[in-house]
């Protein structure tokens, strides 16, 4: 039996995580879930959206699964998702987006993976008011050679191990010449170490246009924090929305798997944990070997278990849907921040 920290999250987070744990049980995994709190629930109970006890549990057990966490817009506490990534140096945010059977979309052949640098850029939280009247605000972005090297190498290593053909580095070096300029320069250097993988770079605004016109030209995208946040959501939209994609936050010693947003499909975070990140090494590899060793291939085990659980719960879910009435959002100024 292996211990995994479970943070159910806010909103429909508990519903999502309950479905995930039910599916993992059907896949015959030997996981002992360690409950922990974070987000709005924790804030309302003890005034701290990220309790020390939760941090200590993740530190101890190395791997966590969490539902979406609510973050106030414009004021209040900062994103707990960002705090967790920085606290455990989860530098690699991996977001696969694949066309799924039975999910109607405008495109039929999307299969791309976004690698987003997860600890730097505009999300470091270094902001200030320039003047006392608060009429001008200033934000600082940090990009380092070391952080750029490890996320870009992670993308290339993934391409090699998964038989992918191309890595596209996305930047805005024509304007942000120092920060994303450095990211581009490091990418060009690292690409020389992988002669069998095609490499190209693209300006971020052109990338957004090309993704909605010709998404099939993209294989693996690697980019900085802010651009990765935006483009990975765009990629989710190409395949049916945030509810059918998942997200893995990987570091050298820790990993946190999560639903991308308030989606209702638990397959996303499950496929991340079972299949996409098995080639990334570290805690993702330990997840696969420790928890799916009795089930054969983890992706097949998850797919079969999802089918079983979905069929078992369909009558109850249909009845619940018929009974459910629209509810007013008790926090209209809040949203889930990734």
C-alpha atoms as a PDB file:
ATOM      1  CA  UNK A   1       0.000   0.000   0.000  1.00  0.00           C
ATOM      2  CA  UNK A   2       1.338   3.393  -1.008  1.00  0.00           C
ATOM      3  CA  UNK A   3       0.342   6.764   0.421  1.00  0.00           C
ATOM      4  CA  UNK A   4      -0.830   9.563  -1.887  1.00  0.00           C
ATOM      5  CA  UNK A   5      -1.983  12.970  -0.634  1.00  0.00           C
ATOM      6  CA  UNK A   6      -5.522  13.807  -1.774  1.00  0.00           C
ATOM      7  CA  UNK A   7      -6.750  17.417  -1.906  1.00  0.00           C
ATOM      8  CA  UNK A   8     -10.378  17.388  -3.016  1.00  0.00           C
ATOM      9  CA  UNK A   9     -10.455  21.082  -3.873  1.00  0.00           C
ATOM     10  CA  UNK A  10     -13.255  23.619  -4.144  1.00  0.00           C
ATOM     11  CA  UNK A  11     -16.480  23.814  -6.151  1.00  0.00           C
ATOM     12  CA  UNK A  12     -17.006  20.549  -7.997  1.00  0.00           C
ATOM     13  CA  UNK A  13     -13.535  19.415  -6.926  1.00  0.00           C
ATOM     14  CA  UNK A  14     -14.856  16.850  -4.414  1.00  0.00           C
ATOM     15  CA  UNK A  15     -17.097  15.341  -7.107  1.00  0.00           C
ATOM     16  CA  UNK A  16     -14.164  15.059  -9.511  1.00  0.00           C
ATOM     17  CA  UNK A  17     -11.797  13.526  -6.983  1.00  0.00           C
ATOM     18  CA  UNK A  18     -14.413  11.054  -5.756  1.00  0.00           C
ATOM     19  CA  UNK A  19     -14.791   9.848  -9.348  1.00  0.00           C
ATOM     20  CA  UNK A  20     -11.027   9.565  -9.749  1.00  0.00           C
ATOM     21  CA  UNK A  21     -10.553   7.543  -6.583  1.00  0.00           C
ATOM     22  CA  UNK A  22     -13.441   5.252  -7.566  1.00  0.00           C
ATOM     23  CA  UNK A  23     -11.863   4.624 -10.960  1.00  0.00           C
ATOM     24  CA  UNK A  24      -8.438   3.975  -9.434  1.00  0.00           C
ATOM     25  CA  UNK A  25     -10.009   1.480  -7.045  1.00  0.00           C
ATOM     26  CA  UNK A  26     -11.640  -0.281 -10.013  1.00  0.00           C
ATOM     27  CA  UNK A  27      -8.201  -0.392 -11.673  1.00  0.00           C
ATOM     28  CA  UNK A  28      -6.998  -2.384  -8.637  1.00  0.00           C
ATOM     29  CA  UNK A  29      -4.385   0.075  -7.485  1.00  0.00           C
ATOM     30  CA  UNK A  30      -2.961  -0.190  -3.982  1.00  0.00           C
ATOM     31  CA  UNK A  31      -3.257   3.450  -2.945  1.00  0.00           C
ATOM     32  CA  UNK A  32      -3.907   4.720   0.566  1.00  0.00           C
ATOM     33  CA  UNK A  33      -5.336   8.220   0.194  1.00  0.00           C
ATOM     34  CA  UNK A  34      -4.092  10.776   2.731  1.00  0.00           C
ATOM     35  CA  UNK A  35      -6.694  13.588   2.951  1.00  0.00           C
ATOM     36  CA  UNK A  36      -5.469  17.193   3.096  1.00  0.00           C
ATOM     37  CA  UNK A  37      -7.021  20.639   2.776  1.00  0.00           C
ATOM     38  CA  UNK A  38      -6.169  23.662   0.649  1.00  0.00           C
ATOM     39  CA  UNK A  39      -7.947  26.521  -1.069  1.00  0.00           C
ATOM     40  CA  UNK A  40     -11.188  28.183  -0.029  1.00  0.00           C
ATOM     41  CA  UNK A  41     -12.256  25.373   2.306  1.00  0.00           C
ATOM     42  CA  UNK A  42      -9.045  25.658   4.296  1.00  0.00           C
ATOM     43  CA  UNK A  43      -9.186  29.461   4.242  1.00  0.00           C
ATOM     44  CA  UNK A  44     -12.725  29.547   5.652  1.00  0.00           C
ATOM     45  CA  UNK A  45     -11.849  27.064   8.399  1.00  0.00           C
ATOM     46  CA  UNK A  46      -8.568  28.436   9.683  1.00  0.00           C
ATOM     47  CA  UNK A  47      -7.711  31.557   7.670  1.00  0.00           C
ATOM     48  CA  UNK A  48      -4.899  29.867   5.750  1.00  0.00           C
ATOM     49  CA  UNK A  49      -5.529  28.631   2.192  1.00  0.00           C
ATOM     50  CA  UNK A  50      -2.405  26.437   2.323  1.00  0.00           C
ATOM     51  CA  UNK A  51      -2.052  24.948   5.827  1.00  0.00           C
ATOM     52  CA  UNK A  52       1.362  23.853   7.039  1.00  0.00           C
ATOM     53  CA  UNK A  53      -0.043  20.368   7.617  1.00  0.00           C
ATOM     54  CA  UNK A  54      -0.816  20.023   3.903  1.00  0.00           C
ATOM     55  CA  UNK A  55       2.670  21.149   2.899  1.00  0.00           C
ATOM     56  CA  UNK A  56       4.214  18.670   5.338  1.00  0.00           C
ATOM     57  CA  UNK A  57       2.113  15.798   3.958  1.00  0.00           C
ATOM     58  CA  UNK A  58       3.179  16.503   0.378  1.00  0.00           C
ATOM     59  CA  UNK A  59       6.788  16.843   1.508  1.00  0.00           C
ATOM     60  CA  UNK A  60       6.592  13.450   3.189  1.00  0.00           C
ATOM     61  CA  UNK A  61       4.656  11.426   0.597  1.00  0.00           C
ATOM     62  CA  UNK A  62       6.049  13.108  -2.563  1.00  0.00           C
ATOM     63  CA  UNK A  63       2.931  12.646  -4.755  1.00  0.00           C
ATOM     64  CA  UNK A  64      -0.451  14.377  -4.567  1.00  0.00           C
ATOM     65  CA  UNK A  65      -3.707  14.406  -6.500  1.00  0.00           C
ATOM     66  CA  UNK A  66      -5.842  17.506  -6.218  1.00  0.00           C
ATOM     67  CA  UNK A  67      -9.056  19.005  -7.510  1.00  0.00           C
ATOM     68  CA  UNK A  68      -9.385  22.621  -8.699  1.00  0.00           C
ATOM     69  CA  UNK A  69      -8.711  25.298  -6.074  1.00  0.00           C
ATOM     70  CA  UNK A  70     -10.463  28.672  -5.986  1.00  0.00           C
ATOM     71  CA  UNK A  71      -8.422  31.873  -6.103  1.00  0.00           C
ATOM     72  CA  UNK A  72      -9.841  35.392  -5.552  1.00  0.00           C
ATOM     73  CA  UNK A  73      -9.725  37.710  -8.548  1.00  0.00           C
ATOM     74  CA  UNK A  74      -7.964  41.051  -8.084  1.00  0.00           C
ATOM     75  CA  UNK A  75      -7.537  40.784  -4.318  1.00  0.00           C
ATOM     76  CA  UNK A  76      -7.183  38.291  -1.483  1.00  0.00           C
ATOM     77  CA  UNK A  77      -4.702  35.431  -1.256  1.00  0.00           C
ATOM     78  CA  UNK A  78      -2.544  34.450  -4.216  1.00  0.00           C
ATOM     79  CA  UNK A  79      -3.000  31.263  -6.209  1.00  0.00           C
ATOM     80  CA  UNK A  80      -2.401  28.132  -4.131  1.00  0.00           C
ATOM     81  CA  UNK A  81      -1.572  26.269  -7.316  1.00  0.00           C
ATOM     82  CA  UNK A  82       1.302  28.664  -7.983  1.00  0.00           C
ATOM     83  CA  UNK A  83       2.437  28.460  -4.347  1.00  0.00           C
ATOM     84  CA  UNK A  84       2.561  24.649  -4.474  1.00  0.00           C
ATOM     85  CA  UNK A  85       4.552  24.640  -7.707  1.00  0.00           C
ATOM     86  CA  UNK A  86       7.087  27.069  -6.305  1.00  0.00           C
ATOM     87  CA  UNK A  87       7.289  25.411  -2.883  1.00  0.00           C
ATOM     88  CA  UNK A  88       8.099  21.971  -4.336  1.00  0.00           C
ATOM     89  CA  UNK A  89       9.978  23.215  -7.410  1.00  0.00           C
ATOM     90  CA  UNK A  90       7.469  21.587  -9.765  1.00  0.00           C
ATOM     91  CA  UNK A  91       9.135  23.176 -12.751  1.00  0.00           C
ATOM     92  CA  UNK A  92       7.496  21.110 -15.492  1.00  0.00           C
ATOM     93  CA  UNK A  93       3.787  21.567 -16.180  1.00  0.00           C
ATOM     94  CA  UNK A  94       2.766  18.976 -18.777  1.00  0.00           C
ATOM     95  CA  UNK A  95      -0.577  19.338 -20.549  1.00  0.00           C
ATOM     96  CA  UNK A  96      -1.526  16.804 -23.252  1.00  0.00           C
ATOM     97  CA  UNK A  97      -4.389  17.637 -25.605  1.00  0.00           C
ATOM     98  CA  UNK A  98      -5.709  14.834 -27.815  1.00  0.00           C
ATOM     99  CA  UNK A  99      -8.822  14.454 -29.927  1.00  0.00           C
ATOM    100  CA  UNK A 100     -11.038  11.974 -28.066  1.00  0.00           C
ATOM    101  CA  UNK A 101     -13.621   9.631 -29.576  1.00  0.00           C
ATOM    102  CA  UNK A 102     -17.169  10.749 -28.831  1.00  0.00           C
ATOM    103  CA  UNK A 103     -16.186  14.363 -28.079  1.00  0.00           C
ATOM    104  CA  UNK A 104     -17.402  16.630 -30.922  1.00  0.00           C
ATOM    105  CA  UNK A 105     -14.869  19.269 -31.965  1.00  0.00           C
ATOM    106  CA  UNK A 106     -13.968  21.287 -35.045  1.00  0.00           C
ATOM    107  CA  UNK A 107     -10.739  19.324 -35.486  1.00  0.00           C
ATOM    108  CA  UNK A 108     -10.238  15.594 -35.843  1.00  0.00           C
ATOM    109  CA  UNK A 109      -6.514  15.030 -35.455  1.00  0.00           C
ATOM    110  CA  UNK A 110      -5.163  17.077 -32.558  1.00  0.00           C
ATOM    111  CA  UNK A 111      -2.395  15.371 -30.579  1.00  0.00           C
ATOM    112  CA  UNK A 112      -0.059  17.850 -28.916  1.00  0.00           C
ATOM    113  CA  UNK A 113       1.637  18.220 -25.553  1.00  0.00           C
ATOM    114  CA  UNK A 114       2.476  21.543 -23.917  1.00  0.00           C
ATOM    115  CA  UNK A 115       5.509  21.828 -21.649  1.00  0.00           C
ATOM    116  CA  UNK A 116       5.183  24.985 -19.567  1.00  0.00           C
ATOM    117  CA  UNK A 117       7.943  26.322 -17.324  1.00  0.00           C
ATOM    118  CA  UNK A 118       6.149  26.385 -14.011  1.00  0.00           C
ATOM    119  CA  UNK A 119       8.171  28.414 -11.520  1.00  0.00           C
ATOM    120  CA  UNK A 120       9.304  31.665 -13.138  1.00  0.00           C
ATOM    121  CA  UNK A 121       8.182  34.234 -15.679  1.00  0.00           C
ATOM    122  CA  UNK A 122       5.343  36.590 -14.821  1.00  0.00           C
ATOM    123  CA  UNK A 123       3.937  34.280 -12.136  1.00  0.00           C
ATOM    124  CA  UNK A 124       6.614  34.812  -9.500  1.00  0.00           C
ATOM    125  CA  UNK A 125       4.363  37.336  -7.763  1.00  0.00           C
ATOM    126  CA  UNK A 126       6.772  40.285  -7.736  1.00  0.00           C
ATOM    127  CA  UNK A 127       4.356  43.189  -8.201  1.00  0.00           C
ATOM    128  CA  UNK A 128       4.191  46.645  -6.683  1.00  0.00           C
ATOM    129  CA  UNK A 129       2.489  50.012  -6.935  1.00  0.00           C
ATOM    130  CA  UNK A 130       4.798  52.618  -8.402  1.00  0.00           C
ATOM    131  CA  UNK A 131       3.012  55.559  -6.803  1.00  0.00           C
ATOM    132  CA  UNK A 132       1.115  56.156  -3.570  1.00  0.00           C
ATOM    133  CA  UNK A 133      -2.164  56.860  -5.417  1.00  0.00           C
ATOM    134  CA  UNK A 134      -1.997  53.397  -7.003  1.00  0.00           C
ATOM    135  CA  UNK A 135      -2.417  54.674 -10.530  1.00  0.00           C
ATOM    136  CA  UNK A 136       0.541  52.732 -11.912  1.00  0.00           C
ATOM    137  CA  UNK A 137       1.453  49.106 -11.237  1.00  0.00           C
ATOM    138  CA  UNK A 138       4.652  47.241 -12.038  1.00  0.00           C
ATOM    139  CA  UNK A 139       5.263  43.515 -12.450  1.00  0.00           C
ATOM    140  CA  UNK A 140       8.589  41.711 -12.830  1.00  0.00           C
ATOM    141  CA  UNK A 141       9.251  38.571 -14.881  1.00  0.00           C
ATOM    142  CA  UNK A 142      12.218  36.311 -14.110  1.00  0.00           C
ATOM    143  CA  UNK A 143      13.745  33.916 -16.659  1.00  0.00           C
ATOM    144  CA  UNK A 144      16.982  32.076 -15.852  1.00  0.00           C
ATOM    145  CA  UNK A 145      19.248  29.902 -17.967  1.00  0.00           C
ATOM    146  CA  UNK A 146      19.025  26.999 -15.527  1.00  0.00           C
ATOM    147  CA  UNK A 147      15.219  26.923 -15.421  1.00  0.00           C
ATOM    148  CA  UNK A 148      15.032  27.296 -19.194  1.00  0.00           C
ATOM    149  CA  UNK A 149      17.456  24.436 -19.764  1.00  0.00           C
ATOM    150  CA  UNK A 150      15.621  21.944 -17.603  1.00  0.00           C
ATOM    151  CA  UNK A 151      12.126  22.544 -19.037  1.00  0.00           C
ATOM    152  CA  UNK A 152      13.414  22.521 -22.618  1.00  0.00           C
ATOM    153  CA  UNK A 153      15.422  19.344 -21.994  1.00  0.00           C
ATOM    154  CA  UNK A 154      12.348  17.762 -20.398  1.00  0.00           C
ATOM    155  CA  UNK A 155      10.411  18.473 -23.599  1.00  0.00           C
ATOM    156  CA  UNK A 156      13.125  16.999 -25.825  1.00  0.00           C
ATOM    157  CA  UNK A 157      13.588  13.938 -23.586  1.00  0.00           C
ATOM    158  CA  UNK A 158       9.855  13.345 -23.729  1.00  0.00           C
ATOM    159  CA  UNK A 159       9.944  13.603 -27.522  1.00  0.00           C
ATOM    160  CA  UNK A 160      12.719  11.010 -27.736  1.00  0.00           C
ATOM    161  CA  UNK A 161      11.079   8.525 -25.375  1.00  0.00           C
ATOM    162  CA  UNK A 162       7.589   8.892 -26.827  1.00  0.00           C
ATOM    163  CA  UNK A 163       8.601   8.845 -30.479  1.00  0.00           C
ATOM    164  CA  UNK A 164       7.562  12.439 -31.092  1.00  0.00           C
ATOM    165  CA  UNK A 165       9.027  14.255 -34.080  1.00  0.00           C
ATOM    166  CA  UNK A 166       9.052  17.987 -33.355  1.00  0.00           C
ATOM    167  CA  UNK A 167       9.561  20.466 -30.516  1.00  0.00           C
ATOM    168  CA  UNK A 168       8.253  24.003 -31.063  1.00  0.00           C
ATOM    169  CA  UNK A 169       9.610  26.702 -28.741  1.00  0.00           C
ATOM    170  CA  UNK A 170       7.176  29.581 -28.287  1.00  0.00           C
ATOM    171  CA  UNK A 171       8.428  33.057 -27.364  1.00  0.00           C
ATOM    172  CA  UNK A 172       8.060  36.813 -27.845  1.00  0.00           C
ATOM    173  CA  UNK A 173      11.747  37.541 -28.333  1.00  0.00           C
ATOM    174  CA  UNK A 174      11.046  40.227 -30.909  1.00  0.00           C
ATOM    175  CA  UNK A 175       9.703  42.415 -28.078  1.00  0.00           C
ATOM    176  CA  UNK A 176      10.817  40.807 -24.798  1.00  0.00           C
ATOM    177  CA  UNK A 177      14.407  40.517 -25.942  1.00  0.00           C
ATOM    178  CA  UNK A 178      16.030  39.760 -22.585  1.00  0.00           C
ATOM    179  CA  UNK A 179      13.577  37.357 -20.913  1.00  0.00           C
ATOM    180  CA  UNK A 180      12.032  35.326 -23.723  1.00  0.00           C
ATOM    181  CA  UNK A 181      15.121  36.141 -25.764  1.00  0.00           C
ATOM    182  CA  UNK A 182      17.154  34.161 -23.235  1.00  0.00           C
ATOM    183  CA  UNK A 183      14.606  31.329 -23.342  1.00  0.00           C
ATOM    184  CA  UNK A 184      14.921  31.174 -27.140  1.00  0.00           C
ATOM    185  CA  UNK A 185      18.719  31.233 -27.050  1.00  0.00           C
ATOM    186  CA  UNK A 186      18.828  28.358 -24.550  1.00  0.00           C
ATOM    187  CA  UNK A 187      16.333  26.415 -26.667  1.00  0.00           C
ATOM    188  CA  UNK A 188      18.528  26.755 -29.748  1.00  0.00           C
ATOM    189  CA  UNK A 189      21.508  25.499 -27.754  1.00  0.00           C
ATOM    190  CA  UNK A 190      19.672  22.523 -26.283  1.00  0.00           C
ATOM    191  CA  UNK A 191      18.169  21.583 -29.655  1.00  0.00           C
ATOM    192  CA  UNK A 192      21.672  20.859 -30.989  1.00  0.00           C
ATOM    193  CA  UNK A 193      21.918  18.016 -28.479  1.00  0.00           C
ATOM    194  CA  UNK A 194      18.920  16.281 -30.109  1.00  0.00           C
ATOM    195  CA  UNK A 195      19.679  16.106 -33.857  1.00  0.00           C
ATOM    196  CA  UNK A 196      16.941  13.524 -34.487  1.00  0.00           C
ATOM    197  CA  UNK A 197      14.176  15.831 -33.200  1.00  0.00           C
ATOM    198  CA  UNK A 198      12.987  18.623 -35.453  1.00  0.00           C
ATOM    199  CA  UNK A 199      13.118  22.024 -33.751  1.00  0.00           C
ATOM    200  CA  UNK A 200      11.458  25.290 -34.648  1.00  0.00           C
ATOM    201  CA  UNK A 201      10.571  28.497 -32.832  1.00  0.00           C
ATOM    202  CA  UNK A 202       7.467  30.637 -33.220  1.00  0.00           C
ATOM    203  CA  UNK A 203       6.256  33.968 -31.852  1.00  0.00           C
ATOM    204  CA  UNK A 204       3.398  33.479 -29.409  1.00  0.00           C
ATOM    205  CA  UNK A 205       0.742  35.513 -31.217  1.00  0.00           C
ATOM    206  CA  UNK A 206       1.401  33.674 -34.472  1.00  0.00           C
ATOM    207  CA  UNK A 207       1.253  30.418 -32.515  1.00  0.00           C
ATOM    208  CA  UNK A 208      -2.226  31.229 -31.228  1.00  0.00           C
ATOM    209  CA  UNK A 209      -3.421  31.865 -34.769  1.00  0.00           C
ATOM    210  CA  UNK A 210      -1.804  28.737 -36.187  1.00  0.00           C
ATOM    211  CA  UNK A 211      -3.250  26.556 -33.406  1.00  0.00           C
ATOM    212  CA  UNK A 212      -6.815  27.456 -34.352  1.00  0.00           C
ATOM    213  CA  UNK A 213      -6.119  27.178 -38.093  1.00  0.00           C
ATOM    214  CA  UNK A 214      -3.709  24.223 -38.363  1.00  0.00           C
ATOM    215  CA  UNK A 215      -3.368  22.481 -34.992  1.00  0.00           C
ATOM    216  CA  UNK A 216      -2.019  19.359 -36.680  1.00  0.00           C
ATOM    217  CA  UNK A 217       1.336  21.071 -37.298  1.00  0.00           C
ATOM    218  CA  UNK A 218       2.102  21.053 -33.557  1.00  0.00           C
ATOM    219  CA  UNK A 219       3.594  18.071 -31.775  1.00  0.00           C
ATOM    220  CA  UNK A 220       5.315  19.293 -28.581  1.00  0.00           C
ATOM    221  CA  UNK A 221       5.196  22.920 -27.461  1.00  0.00           C
ATOM    222  CA  UNK A 222       7.639  24.256 -24.855  1.00  0.00           C
ATOM    223  CA  UNK A 223       7.316  27.776 -23.536  1.00  0.00           C
ATOM    224  CA  UNK A 224       7.464  30.115 -20.570  1.00  0.00           C
ATOM    225  CA  UNK A 225       4.966  30.291 -17.730  1.00  0.00           C
ATOM    226  CA  UNK A 226       2.401  32.858 -18.895  1.00  0.00           C
ATOM    227  CA  UNK A 227       2.440  31.788 -22.538  1.00  0.00           C
ATOM    228  CA  UNK A 228       2.127  28.149 -21.474  1.00  0.00           C
ATOM    229  CA  UNK A 229      -0.877  28.898 -19.305  1.00  0.00           C
ATOM    230  CA  UNK A 230      -2.712  30.569 -22.175  1.00  0.00           C
ATOM    231  CA  UNK A 231      -1.717  28.226 -24.999  1.00  0.00           C
ATOM    232  CA  UNK A 232      -2.437  25.038 -23.039  1.00  0.00           C
ATOM    233  CA  UNK A 233      -5.970  26.283 -22.390  1.00  0.00           C
ATOM    234  CA  UNK A 234      -6.306  27.072 -26.075  1.00  0.00           C
ATOM    235  CA  UNK A 235      -5.161  23.521 -26.849  1.00  0.00           C
ATOM    236  CA  UNK A 236      -7.811  22.178 -24.472  1.00  0.00           C
ATOM    237  CA  UNK A 237     -10.430  24.113 -26.403  1.00  0.00           C
ATOM    238  CA  UNK A 238      -9.358  22.369 -29.605  1.00  0.00           C
ATOM    239  CA  UNK A 239     -10.230  18.948 -28.171  1.00  0.00           C
ATOM    240  CA  UNK A 240     -13.426  19.715 -26.269  1.00  0.00           C
ATOM    241  CA  UNK A 241     -12.572  21.972 -23.347  1.00  0.00           C
ATOM    242  CA  UNK A 242     -10.787  21.987 -20.031  1.00  0.00           C
ATOM    243  CA  UNK A 243     -12.922  19.149 -18.715  1.00  0.00           C
ATOM    244  CA  UNK A 244     -11.280  16.574 -20.996  1.00  0.00           C
ATOM    245  CA  UNK A 245      -7.664  17.496 -20.327  1.00  0.00           C
ATOM    246  CA  UNK A 246      -5.479  17.043 -17.289  1.00  0.00           C
ATOM    247  CA  UNK A 247      -2.298  18.501 -15.923  1.00  0.00           C
ATOM    248  CA  UNK A 248       0.831  17.163 -14.250  1.00  0.00           C
ATOM    249  CA  UNK A 249       3.229  19.315 -12.266  1.00  0.00           C
ATOM    250  CA  UNK A 250       6.546  17.505 -12.093  1.00  0.00           C
ATOM    251  CA  UNK A 251       9.732  18.149 -10.164  1.00  0.00           C
ATOM    252  CA  UNK A 252      12.779  16.090  -9.322  1.00  0.00           C
ATOM    253  CA  UNK A 253      11.352  14.889  -5.994  1.00  0.00           C
ATOM    254  CA  UNK A 254       7.624  15.675  -6.032  1.00  0.00           C
ATOM    255  CA  UNK A 255       4.645  15.555  -8.366  1.00  0.00           C
ATOM    256  CA  UNK A 256       1.111  16.953  -8.177  1.00  0.00           C
ATOM    257  CA  UNK A 257      -1.523  15.760 -10.638  1.00  0.00           C
ATOM    258  CA  UNK A 258      -4.668  17.810 -11.080  1.00  0.00           C
ATOM    259  CA  UNK A 259      -7.724  18.612 -13.098  1.00  0.00           C
ATOM    260  CA  UNK A 260      -6.923  21.557 -15.318  1.00  0.00           C
ATOM    261  CA  UNK A 261     -10.026  23.464 -14.219  1.00  0.00           C
ATOM    262  CA  UNK A 262     -13.524  22.746 -12.998  1.00  0.00           C
ATOM    263  CA  UNK A 263     -13.986  20.001 -15.564  1.00  0.00           C
ATOM    264  CA  UNK A 264     -16.332  17.088 -15.042  1.00  0.00           C
ATOM    265  CA  UNK A 265     -14.337  14.394 -16.825  1.00  0.00           C
ATOM    266  CA  UNK A 266     -11.908  12.584 -14.500  1.00  0.00           C
ATOM    267  CA  UNK A 267     -10.080  10.946 -17.400  1.00  0.00           C
ATOM    268  CA  UNK A 268      -7.768  13.964 -17.787  1.00  0.00           C
ATOM    269  CA  UNK A 269      -5.813  13.801 -14.534  1.00  0.00           C
ATOM    270  CA  UNK A 270      -5.920  10.000 -14.631  1.00  0.00           C
ATOM    271  CA  UNK A 271      -4.357   9.764 -18.073  1.00  0.00           C
ATOM    272  CA  UNK A 272      -1.667  12.209 -16.969  1.00  0.00           C
ATOM    273  CA  UNK A 273      -0.742  10.136 -13.956  1.00  0.00           C
ATOM    274  CA  UNK A 274      -0.909   6.804 -15.731  1.00  0.00           C
ATOM    275  CA  UNK A 275       0.513   7.486 -19.139  1.00  0.00           C
ATOM    276  CA  UNK A 276       1.804  10.892 -20.146  1.00  0.00           C
ATOM    277  CA  UNK A 277       4.314  11.390 -17.351  1.00  0.00           C
ATOM    278  CA  UNK A 278       5.729   7.885 -17.079  1.00  0.00           C
ATOM    279  CA  UNK A 279       8.626   8.981 -19.303  1.00  0.00           C
ATOM    280  CA  UNK A 280       9.411  12.085 -17.282  1.00  0.00           C
ATOM    281  CA  UNK A 281      11.082  10.124 -14.479  1.00  0.00           C
ATOM    282  CA  UNK A 282      11.070  10.980 -10.778  1.00  0.00           C
ATOM    283  CA  UNK A 283       7.813  10.752  -8.840  1.00  0.00           C
ATOM    284  CA  UNK A 284       5.757  10.250 -12.002  1.00  0.00           C
ATOM    285  CA  UNK A 285       7.629   7.031 -12.687  1.00  0.00           C
ATOM    286  CA  UNK A 286       7.185   5.957  -9.070  1.00  0.00           C
ATOM    287  CA  UNK A 287       3.415   6.552  -9.420  1.00  0.00           C
ATOM    288  CA  UNK A 288       3.289   4.193 -12.394  1.00  0.00           C
ATOM    289  CA  UNK A 289       5.410   1.384 -10.959  1.00  0.00           C
ATOM    290  CA  UNK A 290       4.078   1.540  -7.415  1.00  0.00           C
ATOM    291  CA  UNK A 291       0.393   1.771  -8.151  1.00  0.00           C
ATOM    292  CA  UNK A 292      -0.274   0.018 -11.451  1.00  0.00           C
ATOM    293  CA  UNK A 293       2.044  -2.978 -11.232  1.00  0.00           C
ATOM    294  CA  UNK A 294      -0.849  -5.406 -10.839  1.00  0.00           C
ATOM    295  CA  UNK A 295      -2.861  -3.937 -13.684  1.00  0.00           C
ATOM    296  CA  UNK A 296      -0.478  -4.249 -16.636  1.00  0.00           C
ATOM    297  CA  UNK A 297      -0.322  -1.178 -18.833  1.00  0.00           C
ATOM    298  CA  UNK A 298      -1.650   1.724 -16.729  1.00  0.00           C
ATOM    299  CA  UNK A 299      -3.400   3.494 -19.590  1.00  0.00           C
ATOM    300  CA  UNK A 300      -5.327   0.360 -20.512  1.00  0.00           C
ATOM    301  CA  UNK A 301      -6.171  -0.248 -16.864  1.00  0.00           C
ATOM    302  CA  UNK A 302      -7.482   3.289 -16.460  1.00  0.00           C
ATOM    303  CA  UNK A 303      -9.509   3.137 -19.676  1.00  0.00           C
ATOM    304  CA  UNK A 304     -11.140  -0.144 -18.648  1.00  0.00           C
ATOM    305  CA  UNK A 305     -11.851   1.073 -15.119  1.00  0.00           C
ATOM    306  CA  UNK A 306     -13.339   4.333 -16.403  1.00  0.00           C
ATOM    307  CA  UNK A 307     -15.709   2.409 -18.647  1.00  0.00           C
ATOM    308  CA  UNK A 308     -16.723   0.155 -15.763  1.00  0.00           C
ATOM    309  CA  UNK A 309     -17.352   2.976 -13.301  1.00  0.00           C
ATOM    310  CA  UNK A 310     -19.134   5.152 -15.868  1.00  0.00           C
ATOM    311  CA  UNK A 311     -21.520   2.349 -16.727  1.00  0.00           C
ATOM    312  CA  UNK A 312     -22.128   1.554 -13.087  1.00  0.00           C
ATOM    313  CA  UNK A 313     -22.979   5.147 -12.187  1.00  0.00           C
ATOM    314  CA  UNK A 314     -24.963   6.216 -15.240  1.00  0.00           C
ATOM    315  CA  UNK A 315     -28.473   5.680 -13.805  1.00  0.00           C
ATOM    316  CA  UNK A 316     -27.598   7.476 -10.573  1.00  0.00           C
ATOM    317  CA  UNK A 317     -25.971  10.375 -12.403  1.00  0.00           C
ATOM    318  CA  UNK A 318     -28.913  10.732 -14.747  1.00  0.00           C
ATOM    319  CA  UNK A 319     -31.340  10.806 -11.839  1.00  0.00           C
ATOM    320  CA  UNK A 320     -29.152  13.296  -9.982  1.00  0.00           C
ATOM    321  CA  UNK A 321     -28.989  15.489 -13.080  1.00  0.00           C
ATOM    322  CA  UNK A 322     -32.776  15.511 -13.332  1.00  0.00           C
ATOM    323  CA  UNK A 323     -33.074  16.546  -9.694  1.00  0.00           C
ATOM    324  CA  UNK A 324     -30.326  19.139  -9.790  1.00  0.00           C
ATOM    325  CA  UNK A 325     -31.410  22.764  -9.869  1.00  0.00           C
ATOM    326  CA  UNK A 326     -29.185  25.662 -10.936  1.00  0.00           C
ATOM    327  CA  UNK A 327     -27.405  27.133  -7.929  1.00  0.00           C
ATOM    328  CA  UNK A 328     -26.124  30.652  -7.438  1.00  0.00           C
ATOM    329  CA  UNK A 329     -22.345  30.889  -7.183  1.00  0.00           C
ATOM    330  CA  UNK A 330     -21.646  31.917  -3.559  1.00  0.00           C
ATOM    331  CA  UNK A 331     -18.340  33.490  -4.671  1.00  0.00           C
ATOM    332  CA  UNK A 332     -19.198  35.392  -7.880  1.00  0.00           C
ATOM    333  CA  UNK A 333     -15.862  37.217  -7.868  1.00  0.00           C
ATOM    334  CA  UNK A 334     -13.827  34.028  -7.615  1.00  0.00           C
ATOM    335  CA  UNK A 335     -12.399  31.775 -10.275  1.00  0.00           C
ATOM    336  CA  UNK A 336     -10.019  28.841 -10.479  1.00  0.00           C
ATOM    337  CA  UNK A 337      -6.508  30.014 -11.286  1.00  0.00           C
ATOM    338  CA  UNK A 338      -3.944  27.693 -12.732  1.00  0.00           C
END
